[in-house]
Amino acid sequence: MTRAILVVDVQNDFTEGGALGVQGGAAVAERISAYLAGHADDYDLVVASRDWHDADNDNGGHFAAEPDFVDTWPPHCVAGTPGAEYHPSFDTSTVDVHVRKGMGEPAYSVYEGHADDGRRITEVLAEHGITEVDVVGLATDYCVRQTALDAVEHGQHVRVFTDLVEGVHHERSAEVLAELAHAGAVIAQSPGTAPEVG
């Protein structure tokens, strides 16, 4: 078994009440914790990422006073602030590797991040021989999307669990899931979850 789960940006600023809060984000945090409570042993590696932006600059144009919410954003997930911390409903006790990304630059994908020891996460995954990756977290139409696309590009077999992600825009998120499926990812409910009816 050479499978990892990548938990993307389950942070206070990306959940309700945060700088870029996603409706349903807190519920996703709870569901991810419940899933990991029963399934963490299914993985060689549990990885969790956080945006970790600099406070004293625009992070390579990522922050803007008048953001367009496409390429520029209001300040969020600033290093060391409560907004950058994991959501309290996300139980991190099963996390093996913590990744920080966006330190002074725009970064959407977990694959752009660094582990606490400074290594690129691509090195960590390679060291563990990871060939299969499950992607969950926030937000479907931004960081989850880019992480899943990068995982496919790195030759990994990718699953995105629809019950463990939430997007900013409902219609765009549906388009993104279709895009990811077209790219080769498997779009499915998490194992052990009853399929939705109706």
N, C-alpha and C. Protein backbone atom coordinates (compact mmCIF):
# COMPACT_ATOMS: atom_id res chain seq x y z
N MET A 1 0.84 -1.19 0.00
CA MET A 1 0.00 0.00 0.00
C MET A 1 0.88 1.24 0.00
N THR A 2 0.62 2.12 -0.93
CA THR A 2 1.39 3.36 -1.02
C THR A 2 0.43 4.53 -1.26
N ARG A 3 -0.50 4.68 -0.35
CA ARG A 3 -1.55 5.68 -0.49
C ARG A 3 -1.40 6.77 0.56
N ALA A 4 -1.61 8.02 0.12
CA ALA A 4 -1.63 9.16 1.04
C ALA A 4 -2.98 9.86 0.93
N ILE A 5 -3.35 10.55 1.99
CA ILE A 5 -4.49 11.46 1.92
C ILE A 5 -3.97 12.86 2.15
N LEU A 6 -4.39 13.77 1.29
CA LEU A 6 -3.99 15.18 1.38
C LEU A 6 -5.20 15.98 1.86
N VAL A 7 -5.11 16.51 3.06
CA VAL A 7 -6.18 17.33 3.64
C VAL A 7 -5.81 18.78 3.38
N VAL A 8 -6.58 19.42 2.49
CA VAL A 8 -6.21 20.73 1.96
C VAL A 8 -6.86 21.87 2.76
N ASP A 9 -6.05 22.67 3.42
CA ASP A 9 -6.42 24.00 3.92
C ASP A 9 -7.71 24.06 4.75
N VAL A 10 -7.86 23.14 5.70
CA VAL A 10 -9.02 23.20 6.60
C VAL A 10 -8.66 24.17 7.73
N GLN A 11 -8.77 25.45 7.41
CA GLN A 11 -8.31 26.54 8.26
C GLN A 11 -9.44 27.49 8.61
N ASN A 12 -9.26 28.21 9.71
CA ASN A 12 -10.31 29.12 10.17
C ASN A 12 -10.70 30.15 9.12
N ASP A 13 -9.73 30.68 8.37
CA ASP A 13 -10.06 31.72 7.40
C ASP A 13 -10.84 31.18 6.20
N PHE A 14 -10.86 29.86 6.02
CA PHE A 14 -11.59 29.27 4.90
C PHE A 14 -12.90 28.62 5.34
N THR A 15 -13.27 28.84 6.61
CA THR A 15 -14.54 28.33 7.11
C THR A 15 -15.41 29.50 7.54
N GLU A 16 -16.63 29.22 7.91
CA GLU A 16 -17.58 30.27 8.23
C GLU A 16 -17.00 31.29 9.21
N GLY A 17 -17.15 32.57 8.88
CA GLY A 17 -16.65 33.64 9.73
C GLY A 17 -15.23 34.05 9.43
N GLY A 18 -14.54 33.30 8.56
CA GLY A 18 -13.17 33.62 8.20
C GLY A 18 -13.09 34.62 7.08
N ALA A 19 -11.87 35.05 6.77
CA ALA A 19 -11.64 36.08 5.75
C ALA A 19 -12.16 35.65 4.38
N LEU A 20 -12.09 34.35 4.09
CA LEU A 20 -12.60 33.80 2.83
C LEU A 20 -13.42 32.55 3.14
N GLY A 21 -14.39 32.74 4.03
CA GLY A 21 -15.16 31.61 4.55
C GLY A 21 -15.99 30.89 3.50
N VAL A 22 -15.93 29.57 3.53
CA VAL A 22 -16.72 28.71 2.66
C VAL A 22 -17.91 28.18 3.46
N GLN A 23 -19.12 28.38 2.95
CA GLN A 23 -20.30 27.83 3.62
C GLN A 23 -20.20 26.31 3.61
N GLY A 24 -20.35 25.72 4.78
CA GLY A 24 -20.20 24.28 4.90
C GLY A 24 -18.79 23.84 5.24
N GLY A 25 -17.88 24.79 5.38
CA GLY A 25 -16.49 24.46 5.67
C GLY A 25 -16.31 23.77 7.01
N ALA A 26 -17.01 24.27 8.04
CA ALA A 26 -16.89 23.67 9.37
C ALA A 26 -17.41 22.24 9.37
N ALA A 27 -18.48 22.01 8.64
CA ALA A 27 -19.04 20.65 8.55
C ALA A 27 -18.07 19.71 7.85
N VAL A 28 -17.37 20.21 6.84
CA VAL A 28 -16.35 19.40 6.16
C VAL A 28 -15.23 19.05 7.13
N ALA A 29 -14.83 20.00 7.96
CA ALA A 29 -13.80 19.73 8.97
C ALA A 29 -14.23 18.57 9.87
N GLU A 30 -15.48 18.60 10.31
CA GLU A 30 -15.99 17.53 11.17
C GLU A 30 -16.01 16.19 10.44
N ARG A 31 -16.47 16.20 9.19
CA ARG A 31 -16.55 14.94 8.43
C ARG A 31 -15.17 14.36 8.14
N ILE A 32 -14.21 15.23 7.86
CA ILE A 32 -12.84 14.74 7.63
C ILE A 32 -12.30 14.10 8.90
N SER A 33 -12.54 14.72 10.04
CA SER A 33 -12.08 14.15 11.31
C SER A 33 -12.73 12.80 11.56
N ALA A 34 -14.02 12.70 11.30
CA ALA A 34 -14.73 11.43 11.50
C ALA A 34 -14.18 10.36 10.55
N TYR A 35 -13.92 10.74 9.31
CA TYR A 35 -13.37 9.80 8.34
C TYR A 35 -11.99 9.31 8.78
N LEU A 36 -11.12 10.23 9.18
CA LEU A 36 -9.77 9.84 9.59
C LEU A 36 -9.79 8.99 10.86
N ALA A 37 -10.77 9.24 11.74
CA ALA A 37 -10.87 8.44 12.96
C ALA A 37 -11.03 6.95 12.64
N GLY A 38 -11.69 6.67 11.53
CA GLY A 38 -11.91 5.28 11.14
C GLY A 38 -11.02 4.76 10.04
N HIS A 39 -10.31 5.68 9.35
CA HIS A 39 -9.59 5.26 8.14
C HIS A 39 -8.13 5.69 8.08
N ALA A 40 -7.60 6.37 9.10
CA ALA A 40 -6.22 6.84 9.03
C ALA A 40 -5.24 5.70 8.77
N ASP A 41 -5.56 4.51 9.30
CA ASP A 41 -4.67 3.36 9.11
C ASP A 41 -4.69 2.82 7.69
N ASP A 42 -5.61 3.32 6.87
CA ASP A 42 -5.65 2.92 5.45
C ASP A 42 -4.54 3.61 4.65
N TYR A 43 -3.86 4.57 5.28
CA TYR A 43 -2.90 5.40 4.55
C TYR A 43 -1.49 5.22 5.08
N ASP A 44 -0.52 5.26 4.16
CA ASP A 44 0.88 5.32 4.55
C ASP A 44 1.23 6.68 5.11
N LEU A 45 0.50 7.70 4.66
CA LEU A 45 0.85 9.07 5.01
C LEU A 45 -0.43 9.91 5.05
N VAL A 46 -0.61 10.64 6.15
CA VAL A 46 -1.69 11.63 6.24
C VAL A 46 -1.03 13.00 6.24
N VAL A 47 -1.35 13.79 5.22
CA VAL A 47 -0.74 15.10 5.01
C VAL A 47 -1.80 16.18 5.14
N ALA A 48 -1.51 17.23 5.87
CA ALA A 48 -2.43 18.37 5.97
C ALA A 48 -1.69 19.64 5.60
N SER A 49 -2.34 20.46 4.77
CA SER A 49 -1.71 21.71 4.33
C SER A 49 -2.40 22.92 4.93
N ARG A 50 -1.63 23.99 5.01
CA ARG A 50 -2.18 25.30 5.38
C ARG A 50 -1.57 26.37 4.50
N ASP A 51 -2.41 27.32 4.07
CA ASP A 51 -1.89 28.57 3.56
C ASP A 51 -1.17 29.25 4.72
N TRP A 52 -0.02 29.84 4.45
CA TRP A 52 0.78 30.43 5.53
C TRP A 52 1.46 31.67 4.97
N HIS A 53 0.65 32.72 4.75
CA HIS A 53 1.12 33.89 4.03
C HIS A 53 1.87 34.87 4.92
N ASP A 54 2.76 35.61 4.28
CA ASP A 54 3.52 36.64 5.00
C ASP A 54 2.61 37.80 5.39
N ALA A 55 2.93 38.41 6.54
CA ALA A 55 2.13 39.54 7.02
C ALA A 55 2.57 40.87 6.44
N ASP A 56 3.85 40.95 6.01
CA ASP A 56 4.44 42.25 5.71
C ASP A 56 4.60 42.53 4.21
N ASN A 57 3.96 41.73 3.36
CA ASN A 57 4.01 41.99 1.92
C ASN A 57 2.76 41.44 1.26
N ASP A 58 2.65 41.63 -0.06
CA ASP A 58 1.42 41.20 -0.76
C ASP A 58 1.52 39.77 -1.27
N ASN A 59 2.56 39.05 -0.82
CA ASN A 59 2.72 37.64 -1.18
C ASN A 59 2.69 37.42 -2.69
N GLY A 60 3.55 38.19 -3.36
CA GLY A 60 3.69 38.04 -4.81
C GLY A 60 2.48 38.48 -5.59
N GLY A 61 1.74 39.45 -5.04
CA GLY A 61 0.54 39.93 -5.71
C GLY A 61 -0.71 39.15 -5.35
N HIS A 62 -0.61 38.22 -4.40
CA HIS A 62 -1.75 37.39 -4.00
C HIS A 62 -2.76 38.19 -3.19
N PHE A 63 -2.26 39.12 -2.35
CA PHE A 63 -3.13 40.00 -1.57
C PHE A 63 -3.33 41.32 -2.31
N ALA A 64 -4.53 41.86 -2.22
CA ALA A 64 -4.79 43.16 -2.85
C ALA A 64 -5.82 43.92 -2.04
N ALA A 65 -5.69 45.25 -2.06
CA ALA A 65 -6.65 46.10 -1.36
C ALA A 65 -8.02 46.04 -2.03
N GLU A 66 -8.01 45.88 -3.35
CA GLU A 66 -9.26 45.70 -4.10
C GLU A 66 -9.18 44.41 -4.89
N PRO A 67 -9.38 43.28 -4.22
CA PRO A 67 -9.17 41.97 -4.86
C PRO A 67 -10.22 41.67 -5.92
N ASP A 68 -9.79 40.88 -6.93
CA ASP A 68 -10.75 40.46 -7.96
C ASP A 68 -11.35 39.09 -7.65
N PHE A 69 -10.88 38.44 -6.60
CA PHE A 69 -11.37 37.12 -6.17
C PHE A 69 -11.19 36.06 -7.26
N VAL A 70 -10.24 36.31 -8.13
CA VAL A 70 -9.82 35.32 -9.13
C VAL A 70 -8.34 35.05 -8.97
N ASP A 71 -7.56 36.13 -9.09
CA ASP A 71 -6.11 36.03 -8.92
C ASP A 71 -5.61 36.79 -7.69
N THR A 72 -6.43 37.71 -7.19
CA THR A 72 -6.04 38.48 -6.02
C THR A 72 -7.13 38.37 -4.95
N TRP A 73 -6.70 38.47 -3.69
CA TRP A 73 -7.58 38.17 -2.57
C TRP A 73 -7.34 39.14 -1.43
N PRO A 74 -8.32 39.29 -0.54
CA PRO A 74 -8.04 40.05 0.68
C PRO A 74 -7.05 39.25 1.55
N PRO A 75 -6.36 39.91 2.46
CA PRO A 75 -5.44 39.17 3.34
C PRO A 75 -6.15 38.02 4.04
N HIS A 76 -5.49 36.87 4.07
CA HIS A 76 -6.05 35.67 4.71
C HIS A 76 -4.91 34.75 5.10
N CYS A 77 -5.17 33.92 6.09
CA CYS A 77 -4.21 32.89 6.52
C CYS A 77 -2.80 33.47 6.69
N VAL A 78 -2.74 34.59 7.39
CA VAL A 78 -1.44 35.22 7.65
C VAL A 78 -0.74 34.44 8.76
N ALA A 79 0.52 34.11 8.52
CA ALA A 79 1.29 33.27 9.44
C ALA A 79 1.16 33.75 10.88
N GLY A 80 0.85 32.81 11.76
CA GLY A 80 0.80 33.12 13.18
C GLY A 80 -0.51 33.71 13.68
N THR A 81 -1.46 33.94 12.78
CA THR A 81 -2.75 34.51 13.20
C THR A 81 -3.77 33.39 13.39
N PRO A 82 -4.85 33.64 14.15
CA PRO A 82 -5.88 32.62 14.33
C PRO A 82 -6.48 32.13 13.01
N GLY A 83 -6.58 33.02 12.03
CA GLY A 83 -7.15 32.64 10.74
C GLY A 83 -6.35 31.57 10.02
N ALA A 84 -5.04 31.52 10.29
CA ALA A 84 -4.17 30.54 9.63
C ALA A 84 -4.19 29.18 10.31
N GLU A 85 -4.75 29.11 11.51
CA GLU A 85 -4.75 27.84 12.25
C GLU A 85 -5.79 26.89 11.67
N TYR A 86 -5.56 25.60 11.92
CA TYR A 86 -6.55 24.61 11.52
C TYR A 86 -7.87 24.89 12.24
N HIS A 87 -8.97 24.57 11.56
CA HIS A 87 -10.28 24.70 12.19
C HIS A 87 -10.34 23.76 13.40
N PRO A 88 -10.92 24.21 14.51
CA PRO A 88 -10.92 23.37 15.72
C PRO A 88 -11.64 22.03 15.56
N SER A 89 -12.51 21.91 14.58
CA SER A 89 -13.20 20.63 14.36
C SER A 89 -12.35 19.63 13.58
N PHE A 90 -11.22 20.08 13.05
CA PHE A 90 -10.32 19.18 12.34
C PHE A 90 -9.33 18.60 13.36
N ASP A 91 -9.48 17.32 13.65
CA ASP A 91 -8.61 16.63 14.59
C ASP A 91 -7.31 16.27 13.86
N THR A 92 -6.22 16.91 14.26
CA THR A 92 -4.95 16.72 13.56
C THR A 92 -4.09 15.61 14.18
N SER A 93 -4.67 14.84 15.09
CA SER A 93 -3.86 13.83 15.80
C SER A 93 -3.36 12.72 14.88
N THR A 94 -4.01 12.52 13.73
CA THR A 94 -3.58 11.47 12.81
C THR A 94 -2.65 12.00 11.71
N VAL A 95 -2.40 13.33 11.71
CA VAL A 95 -1.59 13.93 10.64
C VAL A 95 -0.11 13.59 10.83
N ASP A 96 0.51 13.04 9.79
CA ASP A 96 1.93 12.70 9.82
C ASP A 96 2.81 13.85 9.37
N VAL A 97 2.34 14.61 8.37
CA VAL A 97 3.15 15.68 7.78
C VAL A 97 2.30 16.94 7.65
N HIS A 98 2.79 18.03 8.20
CA HIS A 98 2.14 19.33 8.08
C HIS A 98 2.87 20.13 7.00
N VAL A 99 2.10 20.71 6.09
CA VAL A 99 2.66 21.44 4.96
C VAL A 99 2.22 22.90 5.04
N ARG A 100 3.16 23.80 4.79
CA ARG A 100 2.84 25.22 4.68
C ARG A 100 3.11 25.65 3.26
N LYS A 101 2.23 26.49 2.72
CA LYS A 101 2.39 26.96 1.35
C LYS A 101 2.01 28.43 1.26
N GLY A 102 2.50 29.07 0.19
CA GLY A 102 2.16 30.47 -0.02
C GLY A 102 2.96 31.43 0.83
N MET A 103 4.13 31.04 1.25
CA MET A 103 4.95 31.90 2.09
C MET A 103 5.66 32.94 1.22
N GLY A 104 4.98 34.07 1.01
CA GLY A 104 5.54 35.14 0.19
C GLY A 104 5.21 35.04 -1.28
N GLU A 105 4.39 34.05 -1.64
CA GLU A 105 4.03 33.86 -3.06
C GLU A 105 2.65 33.24 -3.15
N PRO A 106 1.97 33.40 -4.30
CA PRO A 106 0.71 32.70 -4.49
C PRO A 106 0.97 31.20 -4.52
N ALA A 107 0.11 30.44 -3.87
CA ALA A 107 0.24 28.98 -3.91
C ALA A 107 -1.12 28.37 -3.61
N TYR A 108 -1.61 27.56 -4.53
CA TYR A 108 -2.90 26.91 -4.35
C TYR A 108 -2.74 25.42 -4.05
N SER A 109 -1.75 24.79 -4.62
CA SER A 109 -1.60 23.34 -4.52
C SER A 109 -0.73 22.93 -3.34
N VAL A 110 -1.11 21.81 -2.70
CA VAL A 110 -0.26 21.21 -1.68
C VAL A 110 1.13 20.94 -2.24
N TYR A 111 1.20 20.66 -3.54
CA TYR A 111 2.48 20.31 -4.18
C TYR A 111 3.45 21.49 -4.25
N GLU A 112 2.95 22.69 -3.97
CA GLU A 112 3.81 23.87 -3.92
C GLU A 112 4.36 24.13 -2.52
N GLY A 113 3.94 23.29 -1.57
CA GLY A 113 4.28 23.55 -0.18
C GLY A 113 5.50 22.82 0.32
N HIS A 114 5.86 23.14 1.56
CA HIS A 114 7.02 22.55 2.23
C HIS A 114 6.58 21.95 3.56
N ALA A 115 7.17 20.80 3.89
CA ALA A 115 6.94 20.19 5.19
C ALA A 115 7.65 21.01 6.27
N ASP A 116 7.36 20.69 7.53
CA ASP A 116 7.96 21.44 8.63
C ASP A 116 9.49 21.37 8.62
N ASP A 117 10.04 20.29 8.04
CA ASP A 117 11.50 20.18 8.00
C ASP A 117 12.12 20.88 6.79
N GLY A 118 11.28 21.59 6.03
CA GLY A 118 11.77 22.38 4.91
C GLY A 118 11.75 21.68 3.57
N ARG A 119 11.50 20.37 3.57
CA ARG A 119 11.49 19.64 2.30
C ARG A 119 10.22 19.93 1.51
N ARG A 120 10.36 19.92 0.18
CA ARG A 120 9.18 20.01 -0.67
C ARG A 120 8.32 18.78 -0.42
N ILE A 121 7.03 18.96 -0.45
CA ILE A 121 6.14 17.81 -0.20
C ILE A 121 6.30 16.75 -1.29
N THR A 122 6.70 17.16 -2.49
CA THR A 122 6.95 16.17 -3.54
C THR A 122 8.05 15.20 -3.12
N GLU A 123 9.07 15.71 -2.43
CA GLU A 123 10.14 14.84 -1.94
C GLU A 123 9.63 13.86 -0.90
N VAL A 124 8.77 14.35 -0.01
CA VAL A 124 8.24 13.50 1.06
C VAL A 124 7.39 12.37 0.47
N LEU A 125 6.54 12.71 -0.48
CA LEU A 125 5.70 11.69 -1.12
C LEU A 125 6.55 10.67 -1.86
N ALA A 126 7.58 11.14 -2.55
CA ALA A 126 8.46 10.23 -3.29
C ALA A 126 9.20 9.30 -2.33
N GLU A 127 9.65 9.85 -1.22
CA GLU A 127 10.38 9.05 -0.23
C GLU A 127 9.53 7.89 0.29
N HIS A 128 8.23 8.13 0.41
CA HIS A 128 7.32 7.10 0.91
C HIS A 128 6.75 6.24 -0.21
N GLY A 129 7.17 6.50 -1.45
CA GLY A 129 6.70 5.70 -2.57
C GLY A 129 5.23 5.84 -2.86
N ILE A 130 4.69 7.01 -2.59
CA ILE A 130 3.25 7.23 -2.75
C ILE A 130 2.87 7.19 -4.24
N THR A 131 1.92 6.33 -4.56
CA THR A 131 1.42 6.24 -5.94
C THR A 131 -0.06 6.56 -6.04
N GLU A 132 -0.75 6.57 -4.89
CA GLU A 132 -2.19 6.85 -4.86
C GLU A 132 -2.46 7.94 -3.85
N VAL A 133 -3.29 8.88 -4.24
CA VAL A 133 -3.56 10.04 -3.39
C VAL A 133 -5.06 10.30 -3.34
N ASP A 134 -5.57 10.47 -2.12
CA ASP A 134 -6.94 10.93 -1.92
C ASP A 134 -6.88 12.40 -1.52
N VAL A 135 -7.75 13.21 -2.10
CA VAL A 135 -7.74 14.66 -1.85
C VAL A 135 -9.07 15.07 -1.23
N VAL A 136 -8.98 15.78 -0.09
CA VAL A 136 -10.16 16.29 0.61
C VAL A 136 -9.84 17.70 1.10
N GLY A 137 -10.87 18.46 1.51
CA GLY A 137 -10.61 19.76 2.12
C GLY A 137 -11.28 20.92 1.41
N LEU A 138 -10.63 22.09 1.48
CA LEU A 138 -11.19 23.36 1.01
C LEU A 138 -10.19 24.10 0.11
N ALA A 139 -10.66 24.78 -0.85
CA ALA A 139 -12.01 24.76 -1.38
C ALA A 139 -11.97 24.02 -2.73
N THR A 140 -13.06 23.35 -3.04
CA THR A 140 -13.12 22.51 -4.23
C THR A 140 -12.63 23.23 -5.48
N ASP A 141 -13.09 24.48 -5.64
CA ASP A 141 -12.86 25.19 -6.90
C ASP A 141 -11.54 25.95 -6.93
N TYR A 142 -10.73 25.83 -5.89
CA TYR A 142 -9.43 26.50 -5.89
C TYR A 142 -8.32 25.52 -5.48
N CYS A 143 -8.03 25.42 -4.18
CA CYS A 143 -6.85 24.66 -3.76
C CYS A 143 -7.03 23.15 -3.90
N VAL A 144 -8.24 22.65 -3.70
CA VAL A 144 -8.49 21.22 -3.94
C VAL A 144 -8.29 20.91 -5.42
N ARG A 145 -8.83 21.77 -6.27
CA ARG A 145 -8.69 21.58 -7.72
C ARG A 145 -7.22 21.50 -8.12
N GLN A 146 -6.43 22.50 -7.71
CA GLN A 146 -5.04 22.56 -8.15
C GLN A 146 -4.22 21.41 -7.57
N THR A 147 -4.51 21.03 -6.33
CA THR A 147 -3.82 19.90 -5.72
C THR A 147 -4.10 18.61 -6.48
N ALA A 148 -5.36 18.38 -6.81
CA ALA A 148 -5.73 17.15 -7.53
C ALA A 148 -5.10 17.13 -8.93
N LEU A 149 -5.12 18.27 -9.62
CA LEU A 149 -4.51 18.33 -10.95
C LEU A 149 -3.00 18.07 -10.87
N ASP A 150 -2.34 18.62 -9.86
CA ASP A 150 -0.91 18.40 -9.71
C ASP A 150 -0.61 16.93 -9.38
N ALA A 151 -1.47 16.32 -8.57
CA ALA A 151 -1.27 14.91 -8.24
C ALA A 151 -1.36 14.04 -9.49
N VAL A 152 -2.34 14.33 -10.35
CA VAL A 152 -2.46 13.61 -11.62
C VAL A 152 -1.21 13.84 -12.47
N GLU A 153 -0.76 15.09 -12.51
CA GLU A 153 0.42 15.43 -13.31
C GLU A 153 1.66 14.69 -12.81
N HIS A 154 1.71 14.43 -11.51
CA HIS A 154 2.83 13.69 -10.93
C HIS A 154 2.69 12.18 -11.09
N GLY A 155 1.66 11.76 -11.83
CA GLY A 155 1.51 10.34 -12.14
C GLY A 155 0.83 9.52 -11.07
N GLN A 156 0.20 10.19 -10.12
CA GLN A 156 -0.47 9.45 -9.05
C GLN A 156 -1.91 9.15 -9.42
N HIS A 157 -2.41 8.03 -8.87
CA HIS A 157 -3.83 7.71 -9.01
C HIS A 157 -4.57 8.54 -7.97
N VAL A 158 -5.54 9.33 -8.41
CA VAL A 158 -6.15 10.34 -7.56
C VAL A 158 -7.63 10.07 -7.37
N ARG A 159 -8.06 10.18 -6.10
CA ARG A 159 -9.49 10.19 -5.79
C ARG A 159 -9.82 11.48 -5.06
N VAL A 160 -10.95 12.08 -5.42
CA VAL A 160 -11.47 13.24 -4.70
C VAL A 160 -12.80 12.82 -4.10
N PHE A 161 -12.93 12.95 -2.78
CA PHE A 161 -14.14 12.52 -2.09
C PHE A 161 -15.13 13.68 -1.99
N THR A 162 -16.25 13.55 -2.67
CA THR A 162 -17.19 14.66 -2.79
C THR A 162 -17.83 15.05 -1.47
N ASP A 163 -17.92 14.12 -0.53
CA ASP A 163 -18.52 14.44 0.77
C ASP A 163 -17.52 15.07 1.73
N LEU A 164 -16.25 15.13 1.32
CA LEU A 164 -15.21 15.68 2.20
C LEU A 164 -14.55 16.91 1.58
N VAL A 165 -15.24 17.55 0.64
CA VAL A 165 -14.79 18.82 0.06
C VAL A 165 -15.98 19.78 0.05
N GLU A 166 -15.68 21.05 -0.04
CA GLU A 166 -16.71 22.07 -0.19
C GLU A 166 -16.11 23.21 -0.99
N GLY A 167 -16.91 23.79 -1.89
CA GLY A 167 -16.42 24.85 -2.74
C GLY A 167 -16.99 26.21 -2.40
N VAL A 168 -16.38 27.22 -2.98
CA VAL A 168 -16.86 28.59 -2.81
C VAL A 168 -18.13 28.79 -3.64
N HIS A 169 -18.07 28.38 -4.90
CA HIS A 169 -19.19 28.55 -5.83
C HIS A 169 -19.71 27.17 -6.23
N HIS A 170 -20.99 26.95 -6.02
CA HIS A 170 -21.57 25.62 -6.24
C HIS A 170 -21.44 25.18 -7.70
N GLU A 171 -21.84 26.07 -8.62
CA GLU A 171 -21.80 25.67 -10.04
C GLU A 171 -20.36 25.46 -10.51
N ARG A 172 -19.47 26.35 -10.13
CA ARG A 172 -18.07 26.19 -10.53
C ARG A 172 -17.48 24.92 -9.93
N SER A 173 -17.85 24.60 -8.71
CA SER A 173 -17.32 23.40 -8.07
C SER A 173 -17.75 22.15 -8.84
N ALA A 174 -19.00 22.13 -9.31
CA ALA A 174 -19.47 21.00 -10.11
C ALA A 174 -18.67 20.90 -11.40
N GLU A 175 -18.38 22.05 -12.02
CA GLU A 175 -17.56 22.06 -13.24
C GLU A 175 -16.15 21.56 -12.95
N VAL A 176 -15.61 21.94 -11.80
CA VAL A 176 -14.25 21.52 -11.43
C VAL A 176 -14.20 20.01 -11.24
N LEU A 177 -15.20 19.44 -10.58
CA LEU A 177 -15.22 17.98 -10.40
C LEU A 177 -15.26 17.27 -11.74
N ALA A 178 -16.02 17.83 -12.68
CA ALA A 178 -16.05 17.26 -14.03
C ALA A 178 -14.69 17.39 -14.71
N GLU A 179 -14.05 18.54 -14.51
CA GLU A 179 -12.71 18.76 -15.06
C GLU A 179 -11.71 17.75 -14.50
N LEU A 180 -11.78 17.51 -13.20
CA LEU A 180 -10.87 16.57 -12.56
C LEU A 180 -11.11 15.15 -13.04
N ALA A 181 -12.37 14.81 -13.23
CA ALA A 181 -12.68 13.48 -13.76
C ALA A 181 -12.12 13.32 -15.16
N HIS A 182 -12.25 14.36 -15.97
CA HIS A 182 -11.71 14.33 -17.33
C HIS A 182 -10.18 14.20 -17.31
N ALA A 183 -9.55 14.79 -16.29
CA ALA A 183 -8.09 14.73 -16.17
C ALA A 183 -7.60 13.35 -15.69
N GLY A 184 -8.54 12.53 -15.20
CA GLY A 184 -8.17 11.19 -14.78
C GLY A 184 -8.41 10.87 -13.32
N ALA A 185 -8.90 11.84 -12.56
CA ALA A 185 -9.19 11.58 -11.15
C ALA A 185 -10.50 10.81 -11.01
N VAL A 186 -10.60 10.02 -9.96
CA VAL A 186 -11.85 9.34 -9.61
C VAL A 186 -12.61 10.26 -8.66
N ILE A 187 -13.86 10.56 -9.00
CA ILE A 187 -14.70 11.42 -8.17
C ILE A 187 -15.72 10.51 -7.49
N ALA A 188 -15.67 10.44 -6.17
CA ALA A 188 -16.49 9.46 -5.48
C ALA A 188 -16.79 9.92 -4.04
N GLN A 189 -17.74 9.23 -3.42
CA GLN A 189 -17.95 9.40 -1.97
C GLN A 189 -16.82 8.69 -1.24
N SER A 190 -16.55 9.12 -0.02
CA SER A 190 -15.52 8.46 0.76
C SER A 190 -15.95 7.04 1.11
N PRO A 191 -15.01 6.12 1.24
CA PRO A 191 -15.34 4.73 1.56
C PRO A 191 -16.12 4.64 2.87
N GLY A 192 -17.12 3.79 2.85
CA GLY A 192 -17.92 3.60 4.05
C GLY A 192 -19.05 4.59 4.19
N THR A 193 -19.19 5.47 3.19
CA THR A 193 -20.26 6.47 3.21
C THR A 193 -21.41 5.97 2.35
N ALA A 194 -22.61 6.07 2.88
CA ALA A 194 -23.78 5.68 2.10
C ALA A 194 -23.96 6.67 0.96
N PRO A 195 -24.26 6.19 -0.26
CA PRO A 195 -24.49 7.11 -1.37
C PRO A 195 -25.71 7.98 -1.12
N GLU A 196 -25.61 9.21 -1.62
CA GLU A 196 -26.73 10.12 -1.48
C GLU A 196 -27.91 9.65 -2.31
N VAL A 197 -29.10 9.84 -1.78
CA VAL A 197 -30.31 9.41 -2.48
C VAL A 197 -31.08 10.66 -2.91
N GLY A 198 -31.57 10.61 -4.17
CA GLY A 198 -32.42 11.71 -4.63
C GLY A 198 -31.68 12.75 -5.27
